[in-house]
């Protein structure tokens, strides 16, 4: 089982992390999504995740065990 941090999808941590997150999603290796939210500035970024194609690919994969987020 593998958990992906949502902000990884928008390149918040680095472009390398974003690319790796996309690869994990492409190969259907993500079981959970989570947050590492420590402040309101980070919380404001979560709506951007919904604009990323890999987010939609993840949701449509039916692999998420916590898909009600």
Protein backbone atom coordinates (compact mmCIF):
# COMPACT_ATOMS: atom_id res chain seq x y z
CA UNK A 1 0.00 0.00 0.00
CA UNK A 2 1.23 3.46 -0.87
CA UNK A 3 0.05 6.93 0.13
CA UNK A 4 0.59 9.94 -2.11
CA UNK A 5 0.72 13.48 -0.77
CA UNK A 6 -1.72 15.59 -2.80
CA UNK A 7 0.59 18.58 -3.13
CA UNK A 8 3.03 16.33 -4.98
CA UNK A 9 0.68 16.57 -7.96
CA UNK A 10 1.19 20.30 -8.42
CA UNK A 11 4.97 20.29 -8.04
CA UNK A 12 4.89 21.85 -4.56
CA UNK A 13 7.90 19.83 -3.39
CA UNK A 14 9.79 19.74 -6.70
CA UNK A 15 9.29 18.87 -10.34
CA UNK A 16 11.02 15.53 -9.72
CA UNK A 17 8.49 14.66 -7.01
CA UNK A 18 5.65 15.62 -9.36
CA UNK A 19 7.02 13.39 -12.12
CA UNK A 20 7.41 10.47 -9.70
CA UNK A 21 3.86 10.99 -8.41
CA UNK A 22 2.57 10.89 -11.98
CA UNK A 23 4.47 7.65 -12.62
CA UNK A 24 3.04 6.06 -9.48
CA UNK A 25 -0.46 7.02 -10.62
CA UNK A 26 0.17 5.82 -14.16
CA UNK A 27 1.21 2.40 -12.86
CA UNK A 28 -1.74 2.31 -10.43
CA UNK A 29 0.47 2.03 -7.36
CA UNK A 30 -1.31 4.61 -5.19
CA UNK A 31 -3.66 3.24 -2.52
CA UNK A 32 -4.30 6.39 -0.49
CA UNK A 33 -4.02 10.14 -0.86
CA UNK A 34 -3.22 12.36 2.07
CA UNK A 35 -2.06 15.78 3.07
CA UNK A 36 0.86 17.14 4.98
CA UNK A 37 -0.89 20.43 5.59
CA UNK A 38 0.75 22.66 8.19
CA UNK A 39 -0.75 26.07 7.40
CA UNK A 40 -3.49 27.88 5.52
CA UNK A 41 -1.18 28.74 2.62
CA UNK A 42 -0.80 25.05 1.90
CA UNK A 43 -4.52 24.42 2.41
CA UNK A 44 -5.33 27.00 -0.25
CA UNK A 45 -3.35 24.98 -2.82
CA UNK A 46 -5.47 21.83 -2.65
CA UNK A 47 -8.04 23.08 -5.16
CA UNK A 48 -5.26 23.14 -7.78
CA UNK A 49 -4.89 19.37 -7.46
CA UNK A 50 -8.31 18.92 -9.03
CA UNK A 51 -7.08 20.67 -12.18
CA UNK A 52 -4.29 18.14 -12.78
CA UNK A 53 -4.96 15.31 -15.24
CA UNK A 54 -3.11 12.78 -13.08
CA UNK A 55 -5.55 13.55 -10.23
CA UNK A 56 -8.46 12.61 -12.49
CA UNK A 57 -6.62 9.51 -13.65
CA UNK A 58 -6.14 8.50 -10.01
CA UNK A 59 -9.79 9.08 -9.11
CA UNK A 60 -11.02 7.18 -12.17
CA UNK A 61 -8.72 4.22 -11.48
CA UNK A 62 -10.91 2.96 -8.61
CA UNK A 63 -7.68 2.00 -6.79
CA UNK A 64 -8.00 4.54 -3.99
CA UNK A 65 -8.99 3.10 -0.64
CA UNK A 66 -9.91 6.57 0.65
CA UNK A 67 -11.61 7.92 -2.44
CA UNK A 68 -14.16 10.00 -0.57
CA UNK A 69 -11.73 12.90 -0.19
